[in-house]
PDB file of N, CA and C in Angstrom:
ATOM      1  N   MET A   1      -8.861  -2.649  -8.523  1.00  0.00           N
ATOM      2  CA  MET A   1      -7.700  -1.909  -8.952  1.00  0.00           C
ATOM      3  C   MET A   1      -6.586  -2.903  -9.272  1.00  0.00           C
ATOM      4  N   THR A   2      -5.925  -2.691 -10.396  1.00  0.00           N
ATOM      5  CA  THR A   2      -4.863  -3.613 -10.798  1.00  0.00           C
ATOM      6  C   THR A   2      -3.562  -3.286 -10.070  1.00  0.00           C
ATOM      7  N   ILE A   3      -2.638  -4.232 -10.121  1.00  0.00           N
ATOM      8  CA  ILE A   3      -1.333  -4.030  -9.513  1.00  0.00           C
ATOM      9  C   ILE A   3      -0.601  -2.881 -10.204  1.00  0.00           C
ATOM     10  N   GLU A   4      -0.700  -2.817 -11.522  1.00  0.00           N
ATOM     11  CA  GLU A   4      -0.035  -1.741 -12.263  1.00  0.00           C
ATOM     12  C   GLU A   4      -0.592  -0.369 -11.862  1.00  0.00           C
ATOM     13  N   GLU A   5      -1.890  -0.286 -11.649  1.00  0.00           N
ATOM     14  CA  GLU A   5      -2.492   0.970 -11.201  1.00  0.00           C
ATOM     15  C   GLU A   5      -1.973   1.356  -9.816  1.00  0.00           C
ATOM     16  N   LEU A   6      -1.866   0.369  -8.936  1.00  0.00           N
ATOM     17  CA  LEU A   6      -1.334   0.634  -7.601  1.00  0.00           C
ATOM     18  C   LEU A   6       0.119   1.094  -7.676  1.00  0.00           C
ATOM     19  N   LYS A   7       0.909   0.425  -8.515  1.00  0.00           N
ATOM     20  CA  LYS A   7       2.313   0.808  -8.648  1.00  0.00           C
ATOM     21  C   LYS A   7       2.435   2.244  -9.141  1.00  0.00           C
ATOM     22  N   SER A   8       1.671   2.594 -10.155  1.00  0.00           N
ATOM     23  CA  SER A   8       1.786   3.950 -10.696  1.00  0.00           C
ATOM     24  C   SER A   8       1.294   4.998  -9.697  1.00  0.00           C
ATOM     25  N   GLU A   9       0.348   4.623  -8.854  1.00  0.00           N
ATOM     26  CA  GLU A   9      -0.186   5.578  -7.873  1.00  0.00           C
ATOM     27  C   GLU A   9       0.702   5.721  -6.639  1.00  0.00           C
ATOM     28  N   LEU A  10       1.377   4.634  -6.252  1.00  0.00           N
ATOM     29  CA  LEU A  10       2.089   4.641  -4.976  1.00  0.00           C
ATOM     30  C   LEU A  10       3.604   4.794  -5.073  1.00  0.00           C
ATOM     31  N   LEU A  11       4.216   4.281  -6.115  1.00  0.00           N
ATOM     32  CA  LEU A  11       5.678   4.285  -6.181  1.00  0.00           C
ATOM     33  C   LEU A  11       6.224   5.644  -6.621  1.00  0.00           C
ATOM     34  N   GLY A  12       7.419   5.952  -6.146  1.00  0.00           N
ATOM     35  CA  GLY A  12       8.097   7.173  -6.552  1.00  0.00           C
ATOM     36  C   GLY A  12       7.609   8.439  -5.877  1.00  0.00           C
ATOM     37  N   LYS A  13       6.931   8.298  -4.767  1.00  0.00           N
ATOM     38  CA  LYS A  13       6.422   9.460  -4.031  1.00  0.00           C
ATOM     39  C   LYS A  13       7.006   9.466  -2.627  1.00  0.00           C
ATOM     40  N   SER A  14       6.916  10.593  -1.972  1.00  0.00           N
ATOM     41  CA  SER A  14       7.359  10.647  -0.580  1.00  0.00           C
ATOM     42  C   SER A  14       6.129  10.565   0.328  1.00  0.00           C
ATOM     43  N   TYR A  15       6.346   9.950   1.483  1.00  0.00           N
ATOM     44  CA  TYR A  15       5.262   9.722   2.434  1.00  0.00           C
ATOM     45  C   TYR A  15       5.691  10.162   3.824  1.00  0.00           C
ATOM     46  N   PRO A  16       4.734  10.378   4.713  1.00  0.00           N
ATOM     47  CA  PRO A  16       5.083  10.725   6.097  1.00  0.00           C
ATOM     48  C   PRO A  16       5.930   9.626   6.742  1.00  0.00           C
ATOM     49  N   GLU A  17       6.608   9.985   7.825  1.00  0.00           N
ATOM     50  CA  GLU A  17       7.466   9.019   8.523  1.00  0.00           C
ATOM     51  C   GLU A  17       6.660   7.827   9.037  1.00  0.00           C
ATOM     52  N   ARG A  18       5.442   8.086   9.472  1.00  0.00           N
ATOM     53  CA  ARG A  18       4.558   7.008   9.971  1.00  0.00           C
ATOM     54  C   ARG A  18       3.218   7.101   9.256  1.00  0.00           C
ATOM     55  N   VAL A  19       2.756   5.964   8.760  1.00  0.00           N
ATOM     56  CA  VAL A  19       1.446   5.891   8.108  1.00  0.00           C
ATOM     57  C   VAL A  19       0.667   4.774   8.789  1.00  0.00           C
ATOM     58  N   GLN A  20      -0.415   5.132   9.449  1.00  0.00           N
ATOM     59  CA  GLN A  20      -1.243   4.124  10.116  1.00  0.00           C
ATOM     60  C   GLN A  20      -2.254   3.599   9.107  1.00  0.00           C
ATOM     61  N   ILE A  21      -2.133   2.293   8.768  1.00  0.00           N
ATOM     62  CA  ILE A  21      -3.022   1.717   7.758  1.00  0.00           C
ATOM     63  C   ILE A  21      -4.207   0.989   8.381  1.00  0.00           C
ATOM     64  N   SER A  22      -4.118   0.715   9.674  1.00  0.00           N
ATOM     65  CA  SER A  22      -5.232   0.140  10.426  1.00  0.00           C
ATOM     66  C   SER A  22      -4.916   0.353  11.906  1.00  0.00           C
ATOM     67  N   PRO A  23      -5.870   0.103  12.793  1.00  0.00           N
ATOM     68  CA  PRO A  23      -5.602   0.335  14.220  1.00  0.00           C
ATOM     69  C   PRO A  23      -4.367  -0.423  14.733  1.00  0.00           C
ATOM     70  N   GLU A  24      -4.083  -1.581  14.152  1.00  0.00           N
ATOM     71  CA  GLU A  24      -2.963  -2.390  14.638  1.00  0.00           C
ATOM     72  C   GLU A  24      -1.759  -2.403  13.701  1.00  0.00           C
ATOM     73  N   GLN A  25      -1.775  -1.607  12.627  1.00  0.00           N
ATOM     74  CA  GLN A  25      -0.674  -1.617  11.665  1.00  0.00           C
ATOM     75  C   GLN A  25      -0.205  -0.194  11.350  1.00  0.00           C
ATOM     76  N   VAL A  26       1.102   0.035  11.593  1.00  0.00           N
ATOM     77  CA  VAL A  26       1.718   1.327  11.284  1.00  0.00           C
ATOM     78  C   VAL A  26       2.931   1.071  10.401  1.00  0.00           C
ATOM     79  N   VAL A  27       2.989   1.757   9.282  1.00  0.00           N
ATOM     80  CA  VAL A  27       4.128   1.663   8.383  1.00  0.00           C
ATOM     81  C   VAL A  27       5.123   2.745   8.792  1.00  0.00           C
ATOM     82  N   VAL A  28       6.377   2.338   9.079  1.00  0.00           N
ATOM     83  CA  VAL A  28       7.390   3.306   9.505  1.00  0.00           C
ATOM     84  C   VAL A  28       8.463   3.530   8.436  1.00  0.00           C
ATOM     85  N   ASP A  29       8.474   2.715   7.402  1.00  0.00           N
ATOM     86  CA  ASP A  29       9.402   2.891   6.283  1.00  0.00           C
ATOM     87  C   ASP A  29       8.612   2.574   5.014  1.00  0.00           C
ATOM     88  N   ALA A  30       7.980   3.593   4.463  1.00  0.00           N
ATOM     89  CA  ALA A  30       7.059   3.384   3.344  1.00  0.00           C
ATOM     90  C   ALA A  30       7.744   2.765   2.128  1.00  0.00           C
ATOM     91  N   GLU A  31       8.955   3.196   1.829  1.00  0.00           N
ATOM     92  CA  GLU A  31       9.651   2.676   0.644  1.00  0.00           C
ATOM     93  C   GLU A  31       9.882   1.169   0.757  1.00  0.00           C
ATOM     94  N   THR A  32      10.375   0.726   1.903  1.00  0.00           N
ATOM     95  CA  THR A  32      10.603  -0.705   2.120  1.00  0.00           C
ATOM     96  C   THR A  32       9.286  -1.463   2.162  1.00  0.00           C
ATOM     97  N   PHE A  33       8.308  -0.899   2.838  1.00  0.00           N
ATOM     98  CA  PHE A  33       6.990  -1.525   2.916  1.00  0.00           C
ATOM     99  C   PHE A  33       6.435  -1.784   1.512  1.00  0.00           C
ATOM    100  N   LEU A  34       6.452  -0.754   0.669  1.00  0.00           N
ATOM    101  CA  LEU A  34       5.906  -0.890  -0.686  1.00  0.00           C
ATOM    102  C   LEU A  34       6.688  -1.919  -1.491  1.00  0.00           C
ATOM    103  N   LYS A  35       8.003  -1.882  -1.380  1.00  0.00           N
ATOM    104  CA  LYS A  35       8.843  -2.836  -2.110  1.00  0.00           C
ATOM    105  C   LYS A  35       8.462  -4.273  -1.748  1.00  0.00           C
ATOM    106  N   ILE A  36       8.352  -4.547  -0.460  1.00  0.00           N
ATOM    107  CA  ILE A  36       8.039  -5.904  -0.002  1.00  0.00           C
ATOM    108  C   ILE A  36       6.624  -6.309  -0.402  1.00  0.00           C
ATOM    109  N   GLN A  37       5.666  -5.405  -0.263  1.00  0.00           N
ATOM    110  CA  GLN A  37       4.281  -5.747  -0.610  1.00  0.00           C
ATOM    111  C   GLN A  37       4.155  -6.067  -2.104  1.00  0.00           C
ATOM    112  N   PHE A  38       4.838  -5.293  -2.950  1.00  0.00           N
ATOM    113  CA  PHE A  38       4.766  -5.567  -4.388  1.00  0.00           C
ATOM    114  C   PHE A  38       5.473  -6.870  -4.752  1.00  0.00           C
ATOM    115  N   ILE A  39       6.535  -7.230  -4.047  1.00  0.00           N
ATOM    116  CA  ILE A  39       7.182  -8.532  -4.267  1.00  0.00           C
ATOM    117  C   ILE A  39       6.201  -9.646  -3.925  1.00  0.00           C
ATOM    118  N   GLU A  40       5.521  -9.508  -2.795  1.00  0.00           N
ATOM    119  CA  GLU A  40       4.559 -10.531  -2.370  1.00  0.00           C
ATOM    120  C   GLU A  40       3.385 -10.631  -3.347  1.00  0.00           C
ATOM    121  N   VAL A  41       2.896  -9.490  -3.795  1.00  0.00           N
ATOM    122  CA  VAL A  41       1.762  -9.491  -4.740  1.00  0.00           C
ATOM    123  C   VAL A  41       2.167 -10.152  -6.057  1.00  0.00           C
ATOM    124  N   ASP A  42       3.366  -9.847  -6.536  1.00  0.00           N
ATOM    125  CA  ASP A  42       3.831 -10.434  -7.794  1.00  0.00           C
ATOM    126  C   ASP A  42       3.995 -11.946  -7.693  1.00  0.00           C
ATOM    127  N   ALA A  43       4.312 -12.452  -6.499  1.00  0.00           N
ATOM    128  CA  ALA A  43       4.495 -13.885  -6.306  1.00  0.00           C
ATOM    129  C   ALA A  43       3.178 -14.623  -6.054  1.00  0.00           C
ATOM    130  N   TRP A  44       2.109 -13.894  -5.751  1.00  0.00           N
ATOM    131  CA  TRP A  44       0.808 -14.493  -5.419  1.00  0.00           C
ATOM    132  C   TRP A  44       0.209 -15.133  -6.668  1.00  0.00           C
ATOM    133  N   THR A  45      -0.257 -16.366  -6.552  1.00  0.00           N
ATOM    134  CA  THR A  45      -0.786 -17.079  -7.717  1.00  0.00           C
ATOM    135  C   THR A  45      -2.300 -17.272  -7.676  1.00  0.00           C
ATOM    136  N   LYS A  46      -2.916 -16.938  -6.564  1.00  0.00           N
ATOM    137  CA  LYS A  46      -4.365 -17.125  -6.426  1.00  0.00           C
ATOM    138  C   LYS A  46      -5.092 -15.814  -6.705  1.00  0.00           C
ATOM    139  N   ASP A  47      -6.363 -15.752  -6.373  1.00  0.00           N
ATOM    140  CA  ASP A  47      -7.170 -14.551  -6.558  1.00  0.00           C
ATOM    141  C   ASP A  47      -6.510 -13.372  -5.854  1.00  0.00           C
ATOM    142  N   ILE A  48      -6.158 -12.332  -6.595  1.00  0.00           N
ATOM    143  CA  ILE A  48      -5.399 -11.201  -6.066  1.00  0.00           C
ATOM    144  C   ILE A  48      -6.132 -10.492  -4.930  1.00  0.00           C
ATOM    145  N   GLU A  49      -7.436 -10.487  -4.968  1.00  0.00           N
ATOM    146  CA  GLU A  49      -8.194  -9.804  -3.919  1.00  0.00           C
ATOM    147  C   GLU A  49      -8.119 -10.512  -2.565  1.00  0.00           C
ATOM    148  N   LYS A  50      -7.603 -11.736  -2.558  1.00  0.00           N
ATOM    149  CA  LYS A  50      -7.427 -12.473  -1.307  1.00  0.00           C
ATOM    150  C   LYS A  50      -5.986 -12.422  -0.817  1.00  0.00           C
ATOM    151  N   CYS A  51      -5.127 -11.738  -1.541  1.00  0.00           N
ATOM    152  CA  CYS A  51      -3.711 -11.635  -1.189  1.00  0.00           C
ATOM    153  C   CYS A  51      -3.538 -10.642  -0.033  1.00  0.00           C
ATOM    154  N   PRO A  52      -2.934 -11.077   1.091  1.00  0.00           N
ATOM    155  CA  PRO A  52      -2.743 -10.160   2.220  1.00  0.00           C
ATOM    156  C   PRO A  52      -1.939  -8.906   1.844  1.00  0.00           C
ATOM    157  N   ALA A  53      -0.938  -9.050   1.004  1.00  0.00           N
ATOM    158  CA  ALA A  53      -0.133  -7.891   0.598  1.00  0.00           C
ATOM    159  C   ALA A  53      -0.967  -6.907  -0.223  1.00  0.00           C
ATOM    160  N   TYR A  54      -1.832  -7.407  -1.073  1.00  0.00           N
ATOM    161  CA  TYR A  54      -2.714  -6.548  -1.877  1.00  0.00           C
ATOM    162  C   TYR A  54      -3.646  -5.756  -0.953  1.00  0.00           C
ATOM    163  N   ILE A  55      -4.173  -6.436   0.044  1.00  0.00           N
ATOM    164  CA  ILE A  55      -5.070  -5.780   0.995  1.00  0.00           C
ATOM    165  C   ILE A  55      -4.320  -4.694   1.764  1.00  0.00           C
ATOM    166  N   ARG A  56      -3.069  -4.981   2.175  1.00  0.00           N
ATOM    167  CA  ARG A  56      -2.268  -3.971   2.868  1.00  0.00           C
ATOM    168  C   ARG A  56      -1.975  -2.784   1.955  1.00  0.00           C
ATOM    169  N   LEU A  57      -1.716  -3.036   0.676  1.00  0.00           N
ATOM    170  CA  LEU A  57      -1.470  -1.942  -0.268  1.00  0.00           C
ATOM    171  C   LEU A  57      -2.701  -1.046  -0.414  1.00  0.00           C
ATOM    172  N   LEU A  58      -3.866  -1.647  -0.471  1.00  0.00           N
ATOM    173  CA  LEU A  58      -5.093  -0.852  -0.559  1.00  0.00           C
ATOM    174  C   LEU A  58      -5.296  -0.019   0.703  1.00  0.00           C
ATOM    175  N   LYS A  59      -5.013  -0.612   1.861  1.00  0.00           N
ATOM    176  CA  LYS A  59      -5.130   0.132   3.119  1.00  0.00           C
ATOM    177  C   LYS A  59      -4.133   1.294   3.149  1.00  0.00           C
ATOM    178  N   PHE A  60      -2.920   1.045   2.665  1.00  0.00           N
ATOM    179  CA  PHE A  60      -1.905   2.091   2.619  1.00  0.00           C
ATOM    180  C   PHE A  60      -2.365   3.219   1.699  1.00  0.00           C
ATOM    181  N   ARG A  61      -2.859   2.859   0.533  1.00  0.00           N
ATOM    182  CA  ARG A  61      -3.344   3.862  -0.422  1.00  0.00           C
ATOM    183  C   ARG A  61      -4.447   4.708   0.207  1.00  0.00           C
ATOM    184  N   ASP A  62      -5.396   4.066   0.859  1.00  0.00           N
ATOM    185  CA  ASP A  62      -6.482   4.800   1.503  1.00  0.00           C
ATOM    186  C   ASP A  62      -5.957   5.710   2.612  1.00  0.00           C
ATOM    187  N   ALA A  63      -4.974   5.242   3.370  1.00  0.00           N
ATOM    188  CA  ALA A  63      -4.429   6.026   4.480  1.00  0.00           C
ATOM    189  C   ALA A  63      -3.698   7.268   3.981  1.00  0.00           C
ATOM    190  N   VAL A  64      -2.959   7.151   2.888  1.00  0.00           N
ATOM    191  CA  VAL A  64      -2.213   8.319   2.404  1.00  0.00           C
ATOM    192  C   VAL A  64      -3.096   9.261   1.577  1.00  0.00           C
ATOM    193  N   ARG A  65      -4.203   8.784   1.084  1.00  0.00           N
ATOM    194  CA  ARG A  65      -5.128   9.632   0.337  1.00  0.00           C
ATOM    195  C   ARG A  65      -6.011  10.442   1.274  1.00  0.00           C
ATOM    196  N   GLN A  66      -6.299   9.939   2.438  1.00  0.00           N
ATOM    197  CA  GLN A  66      -7.248  10.527   3.366  1.00  0.00           C
ATOM    198  C   GLN A  66      -7.000  12.013   3.644  1.00  0.00           C
ATOM    199  N   PRO A  67      -5.774  12.448   3.960  1.00  0.00           N
ATOM    200  CA  PRO A  67      -5.574  13.870   4.234  1.00  0.00           C
ATOM    201  C   PRO A  67      -5.880  14.755   3.008  1.00  0.00           C
ATOM    202  N   GLN A  68      -5.626  14.261   1.825  1.00  0.00           N
ATOM    203  CA  GLN A  68      -5.891  15.030   0.623  1.00  0.00           C
ATOM    204  C   GLN A  68      -7.387  15.259   0.433  1.00  0.00           C
ATOM    205  N   GLN A  69      -8.188  14.293   0.847  1.00  0.00           N
ATOM    206  CA  GLN A  69      -9.632  14.419   0.685  1.00  0.00           C
ATOM    207  C   GLN A  69     -10.231  15.365   1.712  1.00  0.00           C
ATOM    208  N   ASP A  70      -9.548  15.558   2.866  1.00  0.00           N
ATOM    209  CA  ASP A  70     -10.077  16.414   3.919  1.00  0.00           C
ATOM    210  C   ASP A  70      -9.886  17.902   3.628  1.00  0.00           C
ATOM    211  N   THR A  71      -8.977  18.228   2.731  1.00  0.00           N
ATOM    212  CA  THR A  71      -8.700  19.650   2.461  1.00  0.00           C
ATOM    213  C   THR A  71      -9.633  20.223   1.441  1.00  0.00           C
TER     214      THR A  71
END
């Protein structure tokens, strides 16, 4: 998934107050989290799939999609 695809899918939406993206990671301010992760991804110069911020964005996307798939 490209960065532009992630931006169009994740930005400009509202999210729950807490989003657990992994057992040890909880996002408590989604807007700030997304802003910082996209800044880090844009600054990354190596293989994007190895970028920690990119991996966190994918985990966030999966976490917020999960309830929609259960209904």
